[in-house]
Protein backbone atom coordinates (compact mmCIF):
# COMPACT_ATOMS: atom_id res chain seq x y z
CA UNK A 1 -46.42 251.29 149.18
CA UNK A 2 -47.18 254.84 148.04
CA UNK A 3 -50.64 256.35 148.41
CA UNK A 4 -50.36 258.34 145.17
CA UNK A 5 -50.60 255.26 142.96
CA UNK A 6 -53.68 253.98 144.76
CA UNK A 7 -55.44 257.34 144.56
CA UNK A 8 -55.60 257.52 140.78
CA UNK A 9 -52.17 258.66 139.62
CA UNK A 10 -51.65 258.00 135.90
CA UNK A 11 -50.09 254.76 134.72
CA UNK A 12 -46.41 254.59 133.98
CA UNK A 13 -45.45 254.88 130.33
CA UNK A 14 -41.99 254.33 128.85
CA UNK A 15 -41.33 258.08 128.99
CA UNK A 16 -42.89 258.58 132.40
CA UNK A 17 -40.97 255.60 133.79
CA UNK A 18 -37.65 257.21 132.82
CA UNK A 19 -38.42 260.76 133.89
CA UNK A 20 -40.81 260.17 136.76
CA UNK A 21 -43.07 262.76 135.15
CA UNK A 22 -46.66 261.47 135.16
CA UNK A 23 -47.77 264.60 133.30
CA UNK A 24 -46.35 263.08 130.11
CA UNK A 25 -48.74 260.15 130.40
CA UNK A 26 -51.73 262.42 130.87
CA UNK A 27 -50.67 264.53 127.91
CA UNK A 28 -50.27 261.47 125.69
CA UNK A 29 -53.74 260.26 126.63
CA UNK A 30 -55.32 263.64 125.87
CA UNK A 31 -53.52 263.79 122.52
CA UNK A 32 -54.94 260.37 121.64
CA UNK A 33 -58.40 261.57 122.69
CA UNK A 34 -58.04 264.65 120.48
CA UNK A 35 -56.96 262.49 117.56
CA UNK A 36 -60.10 260.37 118.03
CA UNK A 37 -62.42 263.07 116.71
CA UNK A 38 -62.28 261.53 113.23
CA UNK A 39 -62.76 257.91 112.12
CA UNK A 40 -59.20 257.65 110.84
CA UNK A 41 -57.90 259.28 114.01
CA UNK A 42 -59.82 256.84 116.21
CA UNK A 43 -58.28 253.85 114.44
CA UNK A 44 -54.81 255.37 114.74
CA UNK A 45 -55.32 256.28 118.42
CA UNK A 46 -56.47 252.75 119.28
CA UNK A 47 -53.37 251.26 117.66
CA UNK A 48 -51.18 253.81 119.44
CA UNK A 49 -52.74 252.96 122.82
CA UNK A 50 -52.17 249.25 122.21
CA UNK A 51 -48.55 250.00 121.42
CA UNK A 52 -48.21 252.06 124.57
CA UNK A 53 -49.59 249.21 126.70
CA UNK A 54 -47.31 246.69 125.03
CA UNK A 55 -44.29 248.93 125.61
CA UNK A 56 -45.11 249.40 129.29
CA UNK A 57 -45.67 245.66 129.70
CA UNK A 58 -42.35 244.77 128.08
CA UNK A 59 -44.03 242.69 125.36
CA UNK A 60 -42.68 244.48 122.28
CA UNK A 61 -39.99 241.85 121.69
CA UNK A 62 -42.13 238.86 122.62
CA UNK A 63 -44.34 238.42 119.55
CA UNK A 64 -42.75 235.11 118.61
CA UNK A 65 -43.02 233.72 122.13
CA UNK A 66 -46.63 234.90 122.29
CA UNK A 67 -47.49 232.98 119.10
CA UNK A 68 -45.89 229.83 120.48
CA UNK A 69 -47.79 230.23 123.75
CA UNK A 70 -51.08 230.75 121.89
CA UNK A 71 -50.51 227.59 119.86
CA UNK A 72 -49.73 225.62 123.02
CA UNK A 73 -52.83 226.95 124.77
CA UNK A 74 -54.97 226.04 121.77
CA UNK A 75 -53.58 222.49 121.77
CA UNK A 76 -54.15 222.24 125.53
CA UNK A 77 -57.72 223.47 125.07
CA UNK A 78 -58.37 220.77 122.46
CA UNK A 79 -56.93 218.18 124.84
CA UNK A 80 -59.15 219.45 127.66
CA UNK A 81 -62.30 219.04 125.60
CA UNK A 82 -61.13 215.67 124.34
CA UNK A 83 -60.96 214.57 127.96
CA UNK A 84 -64.32 216.17 128.85
CA UNK A 85 -66.23 214.73 125.90
CA UNK A 86 -64.61 211.28 126.08
CA UNK A 87 -65.71 210.96 129.69
CA UNK A 88 -69.21 212.21 128.87
CA UNK A 89 -69.62 209.82 125.92
CA UNK A 90 -68.65 206.88 128.10
CA UNK A 91 -71.09 207.98 130.81
CA UNK A 92 -74.11 208.20 128.46
CA UNK A 93 -73.28 205.16 126.32
CA UNK A 94 -72.40 207.03 123.13
CA UNK A 95 -69.68 206.48 120.57
CA UNK A 96 -67.21 209.31 119.96
CA UNK A 97 -65.18 210.22 116.88
CA UNK A 98 -62.77 213.17 116.76
CA UNK A 99 -62.67 213.92 113.04
CA UNK A 100 -60.50 217.06 113.39
CA UNK A 101 -58.77 218.70 116.38
CA UNK A 102 -61.50 219.83 118.75
CA UNK A 103 -64.36 218.49 116.56
CA UNK A 104 -66.35 215.52 117.86
CA UNK A 105 -69.15 213.39 116.47
CA UNK A 106 -71.32 211.42 118.90
CA UNK A 107 -73.76 208.63 118.09
CA UNK A 108 -76.20 206.77 120.30
CA UNK A 109 -78.64 204.56 118.49
CA UNK A 110 -80.01 206.64 115.64
CA UNK A 111 -79.22 209.95 117.35
CA UNK A 112 -76.16 211.97 116.31
CA UNK A 113 -74.73 215.33 117.32
CA UNK A 114 -71.56 217.35 116.70
CA UNK A 115 -69.53 219.61 118.97
CA UNK A 116 -66.50 221.85 118.57
CA UNK A 117 -64.91 222.32 121.97
CA UNK A 118 -67.76 223.90 123.99
CA UNK A 119 -69.92 224.77 120.96
CA UNK A 120 -72.94 222.49 120.64
CA UNK A 121 -75.92 222.06 118.31
CA UNK A 122 -78.60 223.61 120.48
CA UNK A 123 -79.39 227.35 120.34
CA UNK A 124 -80.11 229.31 117.16
CA UNK A 125 -77.86 231.95 115.59
CA UNK A 126 -80.55 234.55 116.35
CA UNK A 127 -80.54 233.97 120.12
CA UNK A 128 -76.74 233.63 120.18
CA UNK A 129 -76.44 236.99 118.43
CA UNK A 130 -78.85 238.55 120.91
CA UNK A 131 -76.76 237.31 123.83
CA UNK A 132 -73.68 238.85 122.20
CA UNK A 133 -75.33 242.27 122.04
CA UNK A 134 -74.47 243.26 125.60
CA UNK A 135 -76.15 246.65 125.59
CA UNK A 136 -79.44 245.38 124.15
CA UNK A 137 -79.60 242.31 126.38
CA UNK A 138 -78.80 244.41 129.43
CA UNK A 139 -81.77 246.66 128.55
CA UNK A 140 -84.05 243.62 128.16
CA UNK A 141 -82.91 242.19 131.48
CA UNK A 142 -83.62 245.47 133.26
CA UNK A 143 -87.10 245.65 131.74
CA UNK A 144 -87.78 242.11 132.98
CA UNK A 145 -86.82 243.08 136.52
CA UNK A 146 -83.47 241.26 136.57
CA UNK A 147 -80.92 243.14 138.72
CA UNK A 148 -78.25 244.73 136.51
CA UNK A 149 -75.57 247.32 137.20
CA UNK A 150 -76.02 250.96 136.09
CA UNK A 151 -74.39 251.53 132.71
CA UNK A 152 -73.97 253.91 129.79
CA UNK A 153 -73.05 253.47 126.14
CA UNK A 154 -70.63 255.54 124.07
CA UNK A 155 -71.38 255.91 120.37
CA UNK A 156 -68.58 255.42 117.83
CA UNK A 157 -67.68 259.11 117.68
CA UNK A 158 -66.14 259.36 121.13
CA UNK A 159 -66.27 258.62 124.87
CA UNK A 160 -68.18 261.76 125.92
CA UNK A 161 -71.23 259.83 127.18
CA UNK A 162 -69.02 257.54 129.24
CA UNK A 163 -67.13 260.50 130.69
CA UNK A 164 -70.44 262.08 131.74
CA UNK A 165 -71.57 258.76 133.26
CA UNK A 166 -68.31 258.42 135.15
CA UNK A 167 -68.66 261.93 136.55
CA UNK A 168 -71.97 260.92 138.13
CA UNK A 169 -70.72 257.88 140.02
CA UNK A 170 -68.16 257.25 142.73
CA UNK A 171 -67.66 253.65 141.58
CA UNK A 172 -64.93 252.35 139.33
CA UNK A 173 -66.09 251.31 135.87
CA UNK A 174 -65.89 248.26 133.68
CA UNK A 175 -65.39 249.29 130.05
CA UNK A 176 -66.10 246.74 127.32
CA UNK A 177 -67.09 246.38 123.67
CA UNK A 178 -70.89 246.47 123.43
CA UNK A 179 -70.94 243.25 121.42
CA UNK A 180 -68.90 240.67 119.59
CA UNK A 181 -66.30 239.55 122.15
CA UNK A 182 -66.04 236.96 124.90
CA UNK A 183 -63.58 235.72 127.49
CA UNK A 184 -62.68 239.22 128.62
CA UNK A 185 -61.38 240.37 125.22
CA UNK A 186 -61.32 244.17 125.06
CA UNK A 187 -62.63 244.49 128.63
CA UNK A 188 -60.97 246.72 131.24
CA UNK A 189 -62.06 246.65 134.88
CA UNK A 190 -61.01 249.03 137.63
CA UNK A 191 -61.33 252.20 135.54
CA UNK A 192 -61.06 255.12 137.94
CA UNK A 193 -59.92 258.39 136.34
CA UNK A 194 -60.97 260.12 133.13
CA UNK A 195 -57.57 259.24 131.62
CA UNK A 196 -58.16 255.59 132.55
CA UNK A 197 -61.54 255.79 130.85
CA UNK A 198 -60.16 257.23 127.62
CA UNK A 199 -57.52 254.52 127.47
CA UNK A 200 -60.04 251.75 128.21
CA UNK A 201 -62.38 253.16 125.55
CA UNK A 202 -59.55 253.06 123.00
CA UNK A 203 -58.85 249.43 123.94
CA UNK A 204 -62.51 248.39 123.71
CA UNK A 205 -63.29 250.12 120.42
CA UNK A 206 -60.61 248.11 118.64
CA UNK A 207 -63.08 245.23 118.90
CA UNK A 208 -66.39 247.06 118.35
CA UNK A 209 -67.10 250.76 117.73
CA UNK A 210 -69.85 251.03 120.37
CA UNK A 211 -68.48 250.78 123.91
CA UNK A 212 -70.33 249.99 127.13
CA UNK A 213 -69.36 251.34 130.55
CA UNK A 214 -70.76 249.74 133.70
CA UNK A 215 -70.36 250.45 137.39
CA UNK A 216 -68.04 247.84 138.89
CA UNK A 217 -69.98 246.20 141.69
CA UNK A 218 -68.23 244.83 144.76
CA UNK A 219 -68.68 241.16 145.56
CA UNK A 220 -67.69 237.70 144.40
CA UNK A 221 -68.35 236.41 140.90
CA UNK A 222 -70.09 233.15 140.02
CA UNK A 223 -70.78 231.33 136.77
CA UNK A 224 -73.99 229.30 136.61
CA UNK A 225 -74.55 226.83 133.76
CA UNK A 226 -78.22 226.33 132.92
CA UNK A 227 -79.81 223.86 130.51
CA UNK A 228 -83.51 224.34 129.84
CA UNK A 229 -83.84 226.32 133.05
CA UNK A 230 -82.18 223.63 135.16
CA UNK A 231 -78.85 224.17 136.92
CA UNK A 232 -76.08 221.88 135.71
CA UNK A 233 -73.34 223.42 137.84
CA UNK A 234 -71.92 226.57 139.39
CA UNK A 235 -68.44 227.82 140.15
CA UNK A 236 -67.08 230.64 142.25
CA UNK A 237 -64.36 232.58 140.42
CA UNK A 238 -61.79 234.98 141.84
CA UNK A 239 -59.30 237.25 140.04
CA UNK A 240 -55.81 235.96 139.28
CA UNK A 241 -52.96 236.77 141.63
CA UNK A 242 -49.25 236.12 142.09
CA UNK A 243 -47.25 235.52 145.28
CA UNK A 244 -44.03 237.41 145.92
CA UNK A 245 -40.70 235.74 146.69
CA UNK A 246 -38.84 238.87 147.78
CA UNK A 247 -36.64 238.80 144.67
CA UNK A 248 -38.80 238.83 141.53
CA UNK A 249 -40.70 241.75 140.06
CA UNK A 250 -44.45 241.51 139.45
CA UNK A 251 -43.72 241.20 135.73
CA UNK A 252 -41.40 238.25 136.41
CA UNK A 253 -43.89 236.61 138.77
CA UNK A 254 -46.62 236.80 136.10
CA UNK A 255 -44.21 235.24 133.59
CA UNK A 256 -43.47 232.41 136.03
CA UNK A 257 -47.17 231.69 136.59
CA UNK A 258 -47.84 231.74 132.84
CA UNK A 259 -44.92 229.38 132.20
CA UNK A 260 -46.29 227.00 134.83
CA UNK A 261 -49.72 227.15 133.18
CA UNK A 262 -48.21 226.25 129.81
CA UNK A 263 -46.02 223.34 130.92
CA UNK A 264 -48.11 222.00 133.80
CA UNK A 265 -51.30 219.95 133.74
CA UNK A 266 -52.76 220.88 130.35
CA UNK A 267 -56.29 220.17 131.60
CA UNK A 268 -55.97 222.61 134.51
CA UNK A 269 -56.04 226.00 132.79
CA UNK A 270 -57.07 227.56 129.49
CA UNK A 271 -55.71 231.10 129.68
CA UNK A 272 -52.58 233.00 130.60
CA UNK A 273 -52.56 236.11 132.78
CA UNK A 274 -52.42 239.08 130.40
CA UNK A 275 -50.19 242.07 131.10
CA UNK A 276 -52.64 244.66 129.86
CA UNK A 277 -54.21 247.96 130.87
CA UNK A 278 -56.39 246.32 133.52
CA UNK A 279 -53.38 244.61 135.07
CA UNK A 280 -51.56 247.93 135.38
CA UNK A 281 -54.64 249.66 136.83
CA UNK A 282 -55.01 246.98 139.50
CA UNK A 283 -51.34 247.24 140.41
CA UNK A 284 -51.58 251.02 140.62
CA UNK A 285 -54.49 250.72 143.02
CA UNK A 286 -52.22 248.66 145.29
CA UNK A 287 -49.39 251.17 144.98
CA UNK A 288 -47.37 248.87 142.72
CA UNK A 289 -46.07 248.71 139.15
CA UNK A 290 -44.89 245.83 137.00
CA UNK A 291 -41.35 246.56 138.23
CA UNK A 292 -42.26 246.36 141.93
CA UNK A 293 -40.75 243.49 143.95
CA UNK A 294 -43.35 242.14 146.40
CA UNK A 295 -42.22 240.77 149.74
CA UNK A 296 -41.85 237.04 150.23
CA UNK A 297 -45.35 235.58 150.63
CA UNK A 298 -47.15 238.79 149.62
CA UNK A 299 -50.19 238.03 147.48
CA UNK A 300 -50.68 240.57 144.69
CA UNK A 301 -53.81 240.84 142.55
CA UNK A 302 -52.91 241.20 138.88
CA UNK A 303 -56.45 241.33 137.47
CA UNK A 304 -59.73 242.90 138.54
CA UNK A 305 -61.80 240.46 136.47
CA UNK A 306 -62.01 236.66 136.52
CA UNK A 307 -61.28 236.13 132.83
CA UNK A 308 -57.68 235.06 133.56
CA UNK A 309 -58.48 232.93 136.59
CA UNK A 310 -56.76 229.58 136.92
CA UNK A 311 -57.97 226.39 138.54
CA UNK A 312 -56.51 227.59 141.85
CA UNK A 313 -58.87 230.60 141.68
CA UNK A 314 -62.02 228.58 140.87
CA UNK A 315 -64.19 226.43 143.13
CA UNK A 316 -67.22 224.26 142.53
CA UNK A 317 -70.11 225.92 144.35
CA UNK A 318 -73.32 224.29 145.51
CA UNK A 319 -74.76 226.72 148.08
CA UNK A 320 -77.04 229.02 146.09
CA UNK A 321 -80.18 230.68 147.38
CA UNK A 322 -83.39 229.70 145.52
CA UNK A 323 -84.07 233.39 144.86
CA UNK A 324 -80.62 233.95 143.33
CA UNK A 325 -81.05 230.88 141.15
CA UNK A 326 -84.46 232.15 140.05
CA UNK A 327 -82.85 235.43 138.90
CA UNK A 328 -80.29 233.49 136.87
CA UNK A 329 -83.02 231.37 135.29
CA UNK A 330 -85.01 234.48 134.39
CA UNK A 331 -81.92 236.00 132.76
CA UNK A 332 -81.48 232.90 130.57
CA UNK A 333 -85.20 233.01 129.73
CA UNK A 334 -85.03 236.67 128.71
CA UNK A 335 -82.11 235.82 126.42
CA UNK A 336 -84.15 232.94 124.92
CA UNK A 337 -81.23 230.58 125.51
CA UNK A 338 -81.65 226.89 126.10
CA UNK A 339 -78.01 226.57 127.20
CA UNK A 340 -76.74 229.61 129.09
CA UNK A 341 -73.75 230.56 131.17
CA UNK A 342 -74.95 233.26 133.57
CA UNK A 343 -72.26 235.43 135.16
CA UNK A 344 -73.28 237.27 138.31
CA UNK A 345 -71.69 239.12 141.21
CA UNK A 346 -73.02 239.17 144.76
CA UNK A 347 -71.87 239.94 148.28
CA UNK A 348 -74.01 237.08 149.66
CA UNK A 349 -74.68 234.00 147.56
CA UNK A 350 -77.13 232.71 150.18
CA UNK A 351 -79.40 235.77 149.73
CA UNK A 352 -81.60 236.97 146.85
CA UNK A 353 -79.69 238.78 144.11
CA UNK A 354 -81.83 241.89 144.52
CA UNK A 355 -80.05 244.25 146.89
CA UNK A 356 -76.91 242.10 146.99
CA UNK A 357 -75.67 241.82 143.43
CA UNK A 358 -76.34 241.88 139.70
CA UNK A 359 -76.33 239.79 136.57
CA UNK A 360 -73.18 240.68 134.62
CA UNK A 361 -73.60 238.73 131.38
CA UNK A 362 -75.55 235.87 129.82
CA UNK A 363 -73.32 233.76 127.59
CA UNK A 364 -74.71 231.84 124.63
CA UNK A 365 -71.72 229.53 124.12
CA UNK A 366 -70.63 228.94 127.71
CA UNK A 367 -67.34 227.19 128.33
CA UNK A 368 -67.76 223.81 129.97
CA UNK A 369 -64.13 223.74 131.05
CA UNK A 370 -64.73 226.30 133.82
CA UNK A 371 -66.58 223.58 135.74
CA UNK A 372 -63.73 221.09 135.38
CA UNK A 373 -60.75 223.41 135.88
CA UNK A 374 -61.32 223.91 139.59
CA UNK A 375 -59.25 223.75 142.76
CA UNK A 376 -60.58 220.27 143.64
CA UNK A 377 -61.25 218.57 140.28
CA UNK A 378 -62.40 215.32 141.89
CA UNK A 379 -65.38 217.21 143.29
CA UNK A 380 -66.30 219.08 140.09
CA UNK A 381 -69.70 218.97 138.43
CA UNK A 382 -69.29 216.95 135.22
CA UNK A 383 -71.66 219.20 133.31
CA UNK A 384 -70.92 217.66 129.89
CA UNK A 385 -72.64 214.40 130.92
CA UNK A 386 -76.21 215.71 131.25
CA UNK A 387 -75.62 218.07 128.34
CA UNK A 388 -74.57 215.30 125.97
CA UNK A 389 -77.41 213.09 127.20
CA UNK A 390 -79.79 215.92 126.30
CA UNK A 391 -78.21 216.45 122.87
CA UNK A 392 -78.65 212.77 122.05
CA UNK A 393 -82.12 212.57 123.54
């Protein structure tokens, strides 16, 4: 593997891949940044960057296949929640009616409640909106003494504030829309150079004009599901990877994993591995590209975040320090959420979060499937059971 790719060399582009001239990629990025000085230019530059990523990933001719895959994933997701809620209804003695795909009505005695997949009738639109405002909630968490990572916000006019923030830290950044997205949409981890940052900003602002940049903290990520301040379950989540066979390129290995996710156990996974900017940044750090052919048995990370993790990357976790759990509970309390999915990163889950990690996000409509789609499903926490019992209480 070459050291130049891991040290921050620009990503390959269609032109750079043919000529071997990385300068062309840098120039293209700076031209897009220059175009972003006006509102119309920013919209055009964001679309151009998306096109550049799609070209480098080889996805330009796959729109039809992508639509089919999305439809299959959606159907699988409905089936997953059908399984989750059917089991929960049986456990709490409730009747269940699916009156449209993904929509369920439960009755127990005179009590009734509705769900759509993981969305339940519990928290208010006001608190859910607050949780979605990542920059504001992060500020509130910091004021309450909850450990959070250092961050900066770029206003809609350009990434200058993020560039200045990046210049003051040796850490890689996570760049994300400041509000309005979930499940990793518009988020790029592993941002290292100024060119990386400009590209990640262009990706994020397609989803919301204000963009947040955070230091990427080392450690392992966990999702804690809290109901009324009580822990229902926790999972450890690791980034997605592929394993080389000595013949296939990284791009082909990702396609094989995604195909297996689509046609395999439909309850085992809810997302495909995206070939996006983050994927290419992670590969570059390892000295690889999408065209590289890993050795037989070589494990290659293809994501820096856990948003594309599969069941093989997720484990039910029960060893949490009381102090770490208290930090997660305080985060949910600050967000005024009755049901909260708290994402955190730490280098020692048995220690307090302070000095070892940070709260990453507090989610107002947390997915229940994360707790079922684990490496050992027979040992998972069936979090929908106490949740439904509470909803019908």
